[in-house]
Amino acid sequence: MHMFMTRPELEQIEFTYLLFHMSDVLSTMMSFEGEDIPKIREAVEAADFQLKLAVRRRRSVISVFEENFSRDNPTLRDLREKLLDKRARLLNAELYLDAIMRYVDLVDEVIQQWD
């Protein structure tokens, strides 16, 4: 028997995939120690794009559970709590990415001063 997934379930899967992908991008960026600034900046821009996509998904997924479903349903409440936990982790990733971008800008500024 084939079970079809609802739109919120599919969005949750895609949202989870984006979180894992963003985590991979961030860990790759951190491994660029000693690499040149353009490569790091390119990695930051790629991570920023993925982050914005994940934020857009987060908003659409969370709003479905906040607006359309009763919070009294235990299954939906559990799923909503998991999504809110992922949302918190995503916010931490946003702060992490922001710090990396500021670091890249600072290093770039120092290199330009040396030239």
PDB file of N, CA and C in Angstrom:
ATOM      1  N   MET A   1       0.831  -1.175   0.000  1.00  0.00           N
ATOM      2  CA  MET A   1       0.000   0.000   0.000  1.00  0.00           C
ATOM      3  C   MET A   1       0.887   1.253   0.000  1.00  0.00           C
ATOM      4  N   HIS A   2       0.608   2.167  -0.889  1.00  0.00           N
ATOM      5  CA  HIS A   2       1.398   3.395  -1.014  1.00  0.00           C
ATOM      6  C   HIS A   2       0.718   4.512  -0.235  1.00  0.00           C
ATOM      7  N   MET A   3       1.500   5.177   0.603  1.00  0.00           N
ATOM      8  CA  MET A   3       0.943   6.289   1.378  1.00  0.00           C
ATOM      9  C   MET A   3       1.440   7.605   0.792  1.00  0.00           C
ATOM     10  N   PHE A   4       0.524   8.521   0.570  1.00  0.00           N
ATOM     11  CA  PHE A   4       0.895   9.837   0.081  1.00  0.00           C
ATOM     12  C   PHE A   4       1.155  10.758   1.268  1.00  0.00           C
ATOM     13  N   MET A   5       2.139  11.604   1.113  1.00  0.00           N
ATOM     14  CA  MET A   5       2.463  12.549   2.184  1.00  0.00           C
ATOM     15  C   MET A   5       1.697  13.845   1.971  1.00  0.00           C
ATOM     16  N   THR A   6       1.374  14.475   3.073  1.00  0.00           N
ATOM     17  CA  THR A   6       0.704  15.771   2.990  1.00  0.00           C
ATOM     18  C   THR A   6       1.745  16.845   2.683  1.00  0.00           C
ATOM     19  N   ARG A   7       1.265  17.997   2.281  1.00  0.00           N
ATOM     20  CA  ARG A   7       2.185  19.101   1.978  1.00  0.00           C
ATOM     21  C   ARG A   7       3.059  19.466   3.182  1.00  0.00           C
ATOM     22  N   PRO A   8       2.483  19.592   4.403  1.00  0.00           N
ATOM     23  CA  PRO A   8       3.347  19.902   5.551  1.00  0.00           C
ATOM     24  C   PRO A   8       4.428  18.845   5.789  1.00  0.00           C
ATOM     25  N   GLU A   9       4.096  17.574   5.569  1.00  0.00           N
ATOM     26  CA  GLU A   9       5.099  16.515   5.747  1.00  0.00           C
ATOM     27  C   GLU A   9       6.221  16.655   4.721  1.00  0.00           C
ATOM     28  N   LEU A  10       5.854  16.933   3.478  1.00  0.00           N
ATOM     29  CA  LEU A  10       6.869  17.121   2.436  1.00  0.00           C
ATOM     30  C   LEU A  10       7.727  18.345   2.730  1.00  0.00           C
ATOM     31  N   GLU A  11       7.097  19.416   3.200  1.00  0.00           N
ATOM     32  CA  GLU A  11       7.858  20.622   3.533  1.00  0.00           C
ATOM     33  C   GLU A  11       8.795  20.367   4.703  1.00  0.00           C
ATOM     34  N   GLN A  12       8.348  19.559   5.657  1.00  0.00           N
ATOM     35  CA  GLN A  12       9.220  19.253   6.792  1.00  0.00           C
ATOM     36  C   GLN A  12      10.443  18.467   6.317  1.00  0.00           C
ATOM     37  N   ILE A  13      10.241  17.521   5.409  1.00  0.00           N
ATOM     38  CA  ILE A  13      11.362  16.741   4.878  1.00  0.00           C
ATOM     39  C   ILE A  13      12.338  17.661   4.150  1.00  0.00           C
ATOM     40  N   GLU A  14      11.809  18.546   3.315  1.00  0.00           N
ATOM     41  CA  GLU A  14      12.675  19.468   2.580  1.00  0.00           C
ATOM     42  C   GLU A  14      13.398  20.419   3.532  1.00  0.00           C
ATOM     43  N   PHE A  15      12.686  20.889   4.553  1.00  0.00           N
ATOM     44  CA  PHE A  15      13.274  21.783   5.543  1.00  0.00           C
ATOM     45  C   PHE A  15      14.413  21.079   6.282  1.00  0.00           C
ATOM     46  N   THR A  16      14.196  19.828   6.668  1.00  0.00           N
ATOM     47  CA  THR A  16      15.234  19.051   7.359  1.00  0.00           C
ATOM     48  C   THR A  16      16.445  18.863   6.452  1.00  0.00           C
ATOM     49  N   TYR A  17      16.195  18.557   5.169  1.00  0.00           N
ATOM     50  CA  TYR A  17      17.292  18.409   4.214  1.00  0.00           C
ATOM     51  C   TYR A  17      18.105  19.701   4.130  1.00  0.00           C
ATOM     52  N   LEU A  18      17.412  20.840   4.076  1.00  0.00           N
ATOM     53  CA  LEU A  18      18.111  22.124   3.995  1.00  0.00           C
ATOM     54  C   LEU A  18      18.965  22.369   5.232  1.00  0.00           C
ATOM     55  N   LEU A  19      18.460  21.992   6.405  1.00  0.00           N
ATOM     56  CA  LEU A  19      19.249  22.158   7.629  1.00  0.00           C
ATOM     57  C   LEU A  19      20.532  21.342   7.561  1.00  0.00           C
ATOM     58  N   PHE A  20      20.409  20.074   7.126  1.00  0.00           N
ATOM     59  CA  PHE A  20      21.600  19.231   7.023  1.00  0.00           C
ATOM     60  C   PHE A  20      22.562  19.774   5.971  1.00  0.00           C
ATOM     61  N   HIS A  21      22.018  20.233   4.835  1.00  0.00           N
ATOM     62  CA  HIS A  21      22.861  20.783   3.775  1.00  0.00           C
ATOM     63  C   HIS A  21      23.588  22.029   4.274  1.00  0.00           C
ATOM     64  N   MET A  22      22.860  22.889   4.994  1.00  0.00           N
ATOM     65  CA  MET A  22      23.475  24.106   5.511  1.00  0.00           C
ATOM     66  C   MET A  22      24.580  23.768   6.506  1.00  0.00           C
ATOM     67  N   SER A  23      24.359  22.753   7.315  1.00  0.00           N
ATOM     68  CA  SER A  23      25.372  22.323   8.274  1.00  0.00           C
ATOM     69  C   SER A  23      26.632  21.866   7.538  1.00  0.00           C
ATOM     70  N   ASP A  24      26.455  21.120   6.438  1.00  0.00           N
ATOM     71  CA  ASP A  24      27.605  20.683   5.632  1.00  0.00           C
ATOM     72  C   ASP A  24      28.347  21.876   5.051  1.00  0.00           C
ATOM     73  N   VAL A  25      27.591  22.862   4.548  1.00  0.00           N
ATOM     74  CA  VAL A  25      28.220  24.055   3.970  1.00  0.00           C
ATOM     75  C   VAL A  25      29.037  24.788   5.033  1.00  0.00           C
ATOM     76  N   LEU A  26      28.459  24.945   6.231  1.00  0.00           N
ATOM     77  CA  LEU A  26      29.161  25.655   7.298  1.00  0.00           C
ATOM     78  C   LEU A  26      30.420  24.913   7.730  1.00  0.00           C
ATOM     79  N   SER A  27      30.345  23.582   7.841  1.00  0.00           N
ATOM     80  CA  SER A  27      31.544  22.837   8.249  1.00  0.00           C
ATOM     81  C   SER A  27      32.612  22.896   7.155  1.00  0.00           C
ATOM     82  N   THR A  28      32.193  22.897   5.894  1.00  0.00           N
ATOM     83  CA  THR A  28      33.147  23.043   4.791  1.00  0.00           C
ATOM     84  C   THR A  28      33.823  24.406   4.860  1.00  0.00           C
ATOM     85  N   MET A  29      33.027  25.433   5.155  1.00  0.00           N
ATOM     86  CA  MET A  29      33.593  26.777   5.255  1.00  0.00           C
ATOM     87  C   MET A  29      34.642  26.845   6.354  1.00  0.00           C
ATOM     88  N   MET A  30      34.379  26.187   7.468  1.00  0.00           N
ATOM     89  CA  MET A  30      35.320  26.233   8.580  1.00  0.00           C
ATOM     90  C   MET A  30      36.620  25.494   8.247  1.00  0.00           C
ATOM     91  N   SER A  31      36.571  24.586   7.266  1.00  0.00           N
ATOM     92  CA  SER A  31      37.777  23.850   6.887  1.00  0.00           C
ATOM     93  C   SER A  31      38.637  24.626   5.891  1.00  0.00           C
ATOM     94  N   PHE A  32      38.227  25.845   5.536  1.00  0.00           N
ATOM     95  CA  PHE A  32      38.970  26.642   4.561  1.00  0.00           C
ATOM     96  C   PHE A  32      40.143  27.397   5.168  1.00  0.00           C
ATOM     97  N   GLU A  33      40.507  27.068   6.380  1.00  0.00           N
ATOM     98  CA  GLU A  33      41.579  27.793   7.058  1.00  0.00           C
ATOM     99  C   GLU A  33      42.822  27.826   6.169  1.00  0.00           C
ATOM    100  N   GLY A  34      43.337  29.008   5.931  1.00  0.00           N
ATOM    101  CA  GLY A  34      44.521  29.158   5.095  1.00  0.00           C
ATOM    102  C   GLY A  34      44.205  29.329   3.613  1.00  0.00           C
ATOM    103  N   GLU A  35      42.944  29.166   3.234  1.00  0.00           N
ATOM    104  CA  GLU A  35      42.571  29.342   1.828  1.00  0.00           C
ATOM    105  C   GLU A  35      42.455  30.836   1.518  1.00  0.00           C
ATOM    106  N   ASP A  36      42.372  31.155   0.230  1.00  0.00           N
ATOM    107  CA  ASP A  36      42.267  32.567  -0.128  1.00  0.00           C
ATOM    108  C   ASP A  36      40.845  33.097   0.099  1.00  0.00           C
ATOM    109  N   ILE A  37      40.756  34.395   0.254  1.00  0.00           N
ATOM    110  CA  ILE A  37      39.502  35.066   0.599  1.00  0.00           C
ATOM    111  C   ILE A  37      38.397  34.850  -0.443  1.00  0.00           C
ATOM    112  N   PRO A  38      38.684  34.907  -1.755  1.00  0.00           N
ATOM    113  CA  PRO A  38      37.582  34.690  -2.712  1.00  0.00           C
ATOM    114  C   PRO A  38      36.896  33.334  -2.538  1.00  0.00           C
ATOM    115  N   LYS A  39      37.660  32.282  -2.229  1.00  0.00           N
ATOM    116  CA  LYS A  39      37.041  30.967  -2.017  1.00  0.00           C
ATOM    117  C   LYS A  39      36.156  30.983  -0.782  1.00  0.00           C
ATOM    118  N   ILE A  40      36.638  31.631   0.266  1.00  0.00           N
ATOM    119  CA  ILE A  40      35.843  31.701   1.495  1.00  0.00           C
ATOM    120  C   ILE A  40      34.586  32.529   1.251  1.00  0.00           C
ATOM    121  N   ARG A  41      34.739  33.652   0.552  1.00  0.00           N
ATOM    122  CA  ARG A  41      33.578  34.505   0.266  1.00  0.00           C
ATOM    123  C   ARG A  41      32.551  33.740  -0.575  1.00  0.00           C
ATOM    124  N   GLU A  42      33.008  32.963  -1.538  1.00  0.00           N
ATOM    125  CA  GLU A  42      32.102  32.164  -2.366  1.00  0.00           C
ATOM    126  C   GLU A  42      31.339  31.154  -1.502  1.00  0.00           C
ATOM    127  N   ALA A  43      32.048  30.524  -0.563  1.00  0.00           N
ATOM    128  CA  ALA A  43      31.398  29.568   0.340  1.00  0.00           C
ATOM    129  C   ALA A  43      30.382  30.272   1.234  1.00  0.00           C
ATOM    130  N   VAL A  44      30.719  31.481   1.697  1.00  0.00           N
ATOM    131  CA  VAL A  44      29.797  32.255   2.535  1.00  0.00           C
ATOM    132  C   VAL A  44      28.540  32.603   1.744  1.00  0.00           C
ATOM    133  N   GLU A  45      28.706  33.031   0.496  1.00  0.00           N
ATOM    134  CA  GLU A  45      27.549  33.388  -0.324  1.00  0.00           C
ATOM    135  C   GLU A  45      26.661  32.175  -0.586  1.00  0.00           C
ATOM    136  N   ALA A  46      27.281  31.006  -0.828  1.00  0.00           N
ATOM    137  CA  ALA A  46      26.501  29.781  -1.042  1.00  0.00           C
ATOM    138  C   ALA A  46      25.729  29.415   0.222  1.00  0.00           C
ATOM    139  N   ALA A  47      26.397  29.521   1.371  1.00  0.00           N
ATOM    140  CA  ALA A  47      25.731  29.207   2.640  1.00  0.00           C
ATOM    141  C   ALA A  47      24.614  30.208   2.915  1.00  0.00           C
ATOM    142  N   ASP A  48      24.837  31.471   2.587  1.00  0.00           N
ATOM    143  CA  ASP A  48      23.829  32.502   2.807  1.00  0.00           C
ATOM    144  C   ASP A  48      22.586  32.228   1.966  1.00  0.00           C
ATOM    145  N   PHE A  49      22.789  31.805   0.707  1.00  0.00           N
ATOM    146  CA  PHE A  49      21.664  31.470  -0.163  1.00  0.00           C
ATOM    147  C   PHE A  49      20.870  30.308   0.429  1.00  0.00           C
ATOM    148  N   GLN A  50      21.578  29.252   0.861  1.00  0.00           N
ATOM    149  CA  GLN A  50      20.904  28.097   1.453  1.00  0.00           C
ATOM    150  C   GLN A  50      20.160  28.494   2.723  1.00  0.00           C
ATOM    151  N   LEU A  51      20.766  29.370   3.491  1.00  0.00           N
ATOM    152  CA  LEU A  51      20.141  29.825   4.735  1.00  0.00           C
ATOM    153  C   LEU A  51      18.845  30.581   4.439  1.00  0.00           C
ATOM    154  N   LYS A  52      18.872  31.476   3.465  1.00  0.00           N
ATOM    155  CA  LYS A  52      17.667  32.231   3.115  1.00  0.00           C
ATOM    156  C   LYS A  52      16.562  31.297   2.630  1.00  0.00           C
ATOM    157  N   LEU A  53      16.947  30.272   1.858  1.00  0.00           N
ATOM    158  CA  LEU A  53      15.976  29.286   1.393  1.00  0.00           C
ATOM    159  C   LEU A  53      15.384  28.526   2.575  1.00  0.00           C
ATOM    160  N   ALA A  54      16.235  28.137   3.519  1.00  0.00           N
ATOM    161  CA  ALA A  54      15.759  27.411   4.702  1.00  0.00           C
ATOM    162  C   ALA A  54      14.855  28.290   5.560  1.00  0.00           C
ATOM    163  N   VAL A  55      15.196  29.577   5.681  1.00  0.00           N
ATOM    164  CA  VAL A  55      14.362  30.501   6.463  1.00  0.00           C
ATOM    165  C   VAL A  55      12.985  30.623   5.823  1.00  0.00           C
ATOM    166  N   ARG A  56      12.944  30.720   4.492  1.00  0.00           N
ATOM    167  CA  ARG A  56      11.663  30.813   3.788  1.00  0.00           C
ATOM    168  C   ARG A  56      10.826  29.561   4.050  1.00  0.00           C
ATOM    169  N   ARG A  57      11.479  28.383   3.982  1.00  0.00           N
ATOM    170  CA  ARG A  57      10.778  27.125   4.254  1.00  0.00           C
ATOM    171  C   ARG A  57      10.309  27.072   5.703  1.00  0.00           C
ATOM    172  N   ARG A  58      11.178  27.517   6.603  1.00  0.00           N
ATOM    173  CA  ARG A  58      10.835  27.494   8.028  1.00  0.00           C
ATOM    174  C   ARG A  58       9.555  28.279   8.268  1.00  0.00           C
ATOM    175  N   ARG A  59       9.474  29.450   7.679  1.00  0.00           N
ATOM    176  CA  ARG A  59       8.284  30.287   7.869  1.00  0.00           C
ATOM    177  C   ARG A  59       7.034  29.596   7.339  1.00  0.00           C
ATOM    178  N   SER A  60       7.130  28.977   6.158  1.00  0.00           N
ATOM    179  CA  SER A  60       5.938  28.344   5.588  1.00  0.00           C
ATOM    180  C   SER A  60       5.541  27.107   6.379  1.00  0.00           C
ATOM    181  N   VAL A  61       6.520  26.347   6.862  1.00  0.00           N
ATOM    182  CA  VAL A  61       6.201  25.139   7.626  1.00  0.00           C
ATOM    183  C   VAL A  61       5.619  25.496   8.984  1.00  0.00           C
ATOM    184  N   ILE A  62       6.254  26.413   9.691  1.00  0.00           N
ATOM    185  CA  ILE A  62       5.789  26.782  11.027  1.00  0.00           C
ATOM    186  C   ILE A  62       4.397  27.403  10.958  1.00  0.00           C
ATOM    187  N   SER A  63       4.148  28.236   9.957  1.00  0.00           N
ATOM    188  CA  SER A  63       2.849  28.905   9.876  1.00  0.00           C
ATOM    189  C   SER A  63       1.718  27.905   9.676  1.00  0.00           C
ATOM    190  N   VAL A  64       1.985  26.816   8.955  1.00  0.00           N
ATOM    191  CA  VAL A  64       0.956  25.791   8.762  1.00  0.00           C
ATOM    192  C   VAL A  64       0.508  25.245  10.108  1.00  0.00           C
ATOM    193  N   PHE A  65       1.469  24.967  10.975  1.00  0.00           N
ATOM    194  CA  PHE A  65       1.127  24.383  12.269  1.00  0.00           C
ATOM    195  C   PHE A  65       0.545  25.416  13.226  1.00  0.00           C
ATOM    196  N   GLU A  66       0.935  26.660  13.095  1.00  0.00           N
ATOM    197  CA  GLU A  66       0.418  27.682  14.001  1.00  0.00           C
ATOM    198  C   GLU A  66      -0.983  28.139  13.605  1.00  0.00           C
ATOM    199  N   GLU A  67      -1.292  28.130  12.313  1.00  0.00           N
ATOM    200  CA  GLU A  67      -2.550  28.705  11.862  1.00  0.00           C
ATOM    201  C   GLU A  67      -3.627  27.673  11.572  1.00  0.00           C
ATOM    202  N   ASN A  68      -3.261  26.528  11.009  1.00  0.00           N
ATOM    203  CA  ASN A  68      -4.268  25.634  10.451  1.00  0.00           C
ATOM    204  C   ASN A  68      -4.607  24.411  11.291  1.00  0.00           C
ATOM    205  N   PHE A  69      -3.790  24.061  12.268  1.00  0.00           N
ATOM    206  CA  PHE A  69      -4.022  22.830  13.010  1.00  0.00           C
ATOM    207  C   PHE A  69      -4.245  23.097  14.484  1.00  0.00           C
ATOM    208  N   SER A  70      -5.020  22.245  15.098  1.00  0.00           N
ATOM    209  CA  SER A  70      -5.246  22.342  16.541  1.00  0.00           C
ATOM    210  C   SER A  70      -4.012  21.846  17.277  1.00  0.00           C
ATOM    211  N   ARG A  71      -3.629  22.569  18.321  1.00  0.00           N
ATOM    212  CA  ARG A  71      -2.454  22.161  19.099  1.00  0.00           C
ATOM    213  C   ARG A  71      -2.801  21.048  20.079  1.00  0.00           C
ATOM    214  N   ASP A  72      -4.076  20.667  20.150  1.00  0.00           N
ATOM    215  CA  ASP A  72      -4.486  19.607  21.068  1.00  0.00           C
ATOM    216  C   ASP A  72      -4.163  18.224  20.531  1.00  0.00           C
ATOM    217  N   ASN A  73      -3.936  18.106  19.245  1.00  0.00           N
ATOM    218  CA  ASN A  73      -3.609  16.814  18.646  1.00  0.00           C
ATOM    219  C   ASN A  73      -2.178  16.446  19.033  1.00  0.00           C
ATOM    220  N   PRO A  74      -1.972  15.322  19.756  1.00  0.00           N
ATOM    221  CA  PRO A  74      -0.624  14.974  20.240  1.00  0.00           C
ATOM    222  C   PRO A  74       0.391  14.768  19.116  1.00  0.00           C
ATOM    223  N   THR A  75      -0.037  14.173  18.011  1.00  0.00           N
ATOM    224  CA  THR A  75       0.887  13.935  16.900  1.00  0.00           C
ATOM    225  C   THR A  75       1.342  15.252  16.295  1.00  0.00           C
ATOM    226  N   LEU A  76       0.390  16.142  16.056  1.00  0.00           N
ATOM    227  CA  LEU A  76       0.733  17.443  15.483  1.00  0.00           C
ATOM    228  C   LEU A  76       1.535  18.280  16.468  1.00  0.00           C
ATOM    229  N   ARG A  77       1.208  18.179  17.765  1.00  0.00           N
ATOM    230  CA  ARG A  77       1.949  18.928  18.772  1.00  0.00           C
ATOM    231  C   ARG A  77       3.411  18.473  18.800  1.00  0.00           C
ATOM    232  N   ASP A  78       3.631  17.140  18.714  1.00  0.00           N
ATOM    233  CA  ASP A  78       4.996  16.608  18.706  1.00  0.00           C
ATOM    234  C   ASP A  78       5.751  17.082  17.465  1.00  0.00           C
ATOM    235  N   LEU A  79       5.086  17.023  16.313  1.00  0.00           N
ATOM    236  CA  LEU A  79       5.715  17.462  15.068  1.00  0.00           C
ATOM    237  C   LEU A  79       6.030  18.957  15.135  1.00  0.00           C
ATOM    238  N   ARG A  80       5.102  19.735  15.691  1.00  0.00           N
ATOM    239  CA  ARG A  80       5.319  21.177  15.826  1.00  0.00           C
ATOM    240  C   ARG A  80       6.506  21.470  16.742  1.00  0.00           C
ATOM    241  N   GLU A  81       6.629  20.725  17.848  1.00  0.00           N
ATOM    242  CA  GLU A  81       7.757  20.921  18.761  1.00  0.00           C
ATOM    243  C   GLU A  81       9.081  20.614  18.070  1.00  0.00           C
ATOM    244  N   LYS A  82       9.085  19.566  17.246  1.00  0.00           N
ATOM    245  CA  LYS A  82      10.309  19.231  16.505  1.00  0.00           C
ATOM    246  C   LYS A  82      10.666  20.349  15.527  1.00  0.00           C
ATOM    247  N   LEU A  83       9.645  20.886  14.856  1.00  0.00           N
ATOM    248  CA  LEU A  83       9.897  21.979  13.914  1.00  0.00           C
ATOM    249  C   LEU A  83      10.416  23.221  14.641  1.00  0.00           C
ATOM    250  N   LEU A  84       9.853  23.511  15.808  1.00  0.00           N
ATOM    251  CA  LEU A  84      10.315  24.672  16.565  1.00  0.00           C
ATOM    252  C   LEU A  84      11.747  24.468  17.051  1.00  0.00           C
ATOM    253  N   ASP A  85      12.108  23.220  17.382  1.00  0.00           N
ATOM    254  CA  ASP A  85      13.486  22.917  17.767  1.00  0.00           C
ATOM    255  C   ASP A  85      14.420  23.145  16.580  1.00  0.00           C
ATOM    256  N   LYS A  86      13.990  22.701  15.394  1.00  0.00           N
ATOM    257  CA  LYS A  86      14.805  22.918  14.193  1.00  0.00           C
ATOM    258  C   LYS A  86      14.917  24.407  13.889  1.00  0.00           C
ATOM    259  N   ARG A  87      13.831  25.138  14.161  1.00  0.00           N
ATOM    260  CA  ARG A  87      13.857  26.587  13.957  1.00  0.00           C
ATOM    261  C   ARG A  87      14.908  27.236  14.863  1.00  0.00           C
ATOM    262  N   ALA A  88      14.986  26.792  16.113  1.00  0.00           N
ATOM    263  CA  ALA A  88      15.984  27.335  17.046  1.00  0.00           C
ATOM    264  C   ALA A  88      17.396  27.026  16.560  1.00  0.00           C
ATOM    265  N   ARG A  89      17.603  25.796  16.058  1.00  0.00           N
ATOM    266  CA  ARG A  89      18.929  25.448  15.538  1.00  0.00           C
ATOM    267  C   ARG A  89      19.270  26.289  14.318  1.00  0.00           C
ATOM    268  N   LEU A  90      18.274  26.572  13.496  1.00  0.00           N
ATOM    269  CA  LEU A  90      18.500  27.405  12.313  1.00  0.00           C
ATOM    270  C   LEU A  90      18.875  28.826  12.724  1.00  0.00           C
ATOM    271  N   LEU A  91      18.218  29.350  13.766  1.00  0.00           N
ATOM    272  CA  LEU A  91      18.569  30.688  14.243  1.00  0.00           C
ATOM    273  C   LEU A  91      20.010  30.720  14.741  1.00  0.00           C
ATOM    274  N   ASN A  92      20.455  29.651  15.410  1.00  0.00           N
ATOM    275  CA  ASN A  92      21.853  29.566  15.836  1.00  0.00           C
ATOM    276  C   ASN A  92      22.777  29.558  14.625  1.00  0.00           C
ATOM    277  N   ALA A  93      22.374  28.841  13.575  1.00  0.00           N
ATOM    278  CA  ALA A  93      23.187  28.798  12.359  1.00  0.00           C
ATOM    279  C   ALA A  93      23.256  30.177  11.709  1.00  0.00           C
ATOM    280  N   GLU A  94      22.149  30.941  11.773  1.00  0.00           N
ATOM    281  CA  GLU A  94      22.169  32.300  11.229  1.00  0.00           C
ATOM    282  C   GLU A  94      23.207  33.156  11.955  1.00  0.00           C
ATOM    283  N   LEU A  95      23.243  33.044  13.276  1.00  0.00           N
ATOM    284  CA  LEU A  95      24.223  33.808  14.057  1.00  0.00           C
ATOM    285  C   LEU A  95      25.641  33.370  13.713  1.00  0.00           C
ATOM    286  N   TYR A  96      25.837  32.064  13.557  1.00  0.00           N
ATOM    287  CA  TYR A  96      27.141  31.502  13.220  1.00  0.00           C
ATOM    288  C   TYR A  96      27.599  32.020  11.856  1.00  0.00           C
ATOM    289  N   LEU A  97      26.702  31.981  10.880  1.00  0.00           N
ATOM    290  CA  LEU A  97      27.031  32.450   9.537  1.00  0.00           C
ATOM    291  C   LEU A  97      27.335  33.945   9.550  1.00  0.00           C
ATOM    292  N   ASP A  98      26.575  34.713  10.311  1.00  0.00           N
ATOM    293  CA  ASP A  98      26.816  36.152  10.411  1.00  0.00           C
ATOM    294  C   ASP A  98      28.211  36.428  10.964  1.00  0.00           C
ATOM    295  N   ALA A  99      28.615  35.663  11.979  1.00  0.00           N
ATOM    296  CA  ALA A  99      29.957  35.833  12.551  1.00  0.00           C
ATOM    297  C   ALA A  99      31.031  35.492  11.520  1.00  0.00           C
ATOM    298  N   ILE A 100      30.816  34.436  10.745  1.00  0.00           N
ATOM    299  CA  ILE A 100      31.784  34.054   9.708  1.00  0.00           C
ATOM    300  C   ILE A 100      31.885  35.152   8.654  1.00  0.00           C
ATOM    301  N   MET A 101      30.750  35.707   8.246  1.00  0.00           N
ATOM    302  CA  MET A 101      30.762  36.755   7.222  1.00  0.00           C
ATOM    303  C   MET A 101      31.500  37.996   7.729  1.00  0.00           C
ATOM    304  N   ARG A 102      31.285  38.353   9.004  1.00  0.00           N
ATOM    305  CA  ARG A 102      32.007  39.495   9.565  1.00  0.00           C
ATOM    306  C   ARG A 102      33.505  39.208   9.615  1.00  0.00           C
ATOM    307  N   TYR A 103      33.877  37.970   9.941  1.00  0.00           N
ATOM    308  CA  TYR A 103      35.290  37.586   9.985  1.00  0.00           C
ATOM    309  C   TYR A 103      35.915  37.686   8.594  1.00  0.00           C
ATOM    310  N   VAL A 104      35.215  37.189   7.580  1.00  0.00           N
ATOM    311  CA  VAL A 104      35.724  37.251   6.204  1.00  0.00           C
ATOM    312  C   VAL A 104      35.918  38.702   5.785  1.00  0.00           C
ATOM    313  N   ASP A 105      34.952  39.557   6.094  1.00  0.00           N
ATOM    314  CA  ASP A 105      35.075  40.981   5.756  1.00  0.00           C
ATOM    315  C   ASP A 105      36.269  41.617   6.459  1.00  0.00           C
ATOM    316  N   LEU A 106      36.464  41.267   7.720  1.00  0.00           N
ATOM    317  CA  LEU A 106      37.583  41.810   8.488  1.00  0.00           C
ATOM    318  C   LEU A 106      38.922  41.372   7.894  1.00  0.00           C
ATOM    319  N   VAL A 107      39.046  40.083   7.578  1.00  0.00           N
ATOM    320  CA  VAL A 107      40.288  39.575   6.985  1.00  0.00           C
ATOM    321  C   VAL A 107      40.534  40.241   5.641  1.00  0.00           C
ATOM    322  N   ASP A 108      39.491  40.376   4.839  1.00  0.00           N
ATOM    323  CA  ASP A 108      39.604  41.029   3.533  1.00  0.00           C
ATOM    324  C   ASP A 108      40.080  42.473   3.700  1.00  0.00           C
ATOM    325  N   GLU A 109      39.545  43.160   4.696  1.00  0.00           N
ATOM    326  CA  GLU A 109      39.933  44.546   4.971  1.00  0.00           C
ATOM    327  C   GLU A 109      41.414  44.637   5.357  1.00  0.00           C
ATOM    328  N   VAL A 110      41.861  43.723   6.199  1.00  0.00           N
ATOM    329  CA  VAL A 110      43.269  43.710   6.622  1.00  0.00           C
ATOM    330  C   VAL A 110      44.177  43.443   5.429  1.00  0.00           C
ATOM    331  N   ILE A 111      43.798  42.499   4.574  1.00  0.00           N
ATOM    332  CA  ILE A 111      44.613  42.181   3.389  1.00  0.00           C
ATOM    333  C   ILE A 111      44.703  43.391   2.469  1.00  0.00           C
ATOM    334  N   GLN A 112      43.590  44.109   2.294  1.00  0.00           N
ATOM    335  CA  GLN A 112      43.601  45.301   1.442  1.00  0.00           C
ATOM    336  C   GLN A 112      44.499  46.387   2.020  1.00  0.00           C
ATOM    337  N   GLN A 113      44.573  46.483   3.334  1.00  0.00           N
ATOM    338  CA  GLN A 113      45.447  47.471   3.963  1.00  0.00           C
ATOM    339  C   GLN A 113      46.917  47.132   3.722  1.00  0.00           C
ATOM    340  N   TRP A 114      47.239  45.842   3.635  1.00  0.00           N
ATOM    341  CA  TRP A 114      48.623  45.427   3.393  1.00  0.00           C
ATOM    342  C   TRP A 114      49.068  45.739   1.972  1.00  0.00           C
ATOM    343  N   ASP A 115      48.099  45.703   1.037  1.00  0.00           N
ATOM    344  CA  ASP A 115      48.445  45.921  -0.384  1.00  0.00           C
ATOM    345  C   ASP A 115      48.809  47.338  -0.683  1.00  0.00           C
TER     346      ASP A 115
END
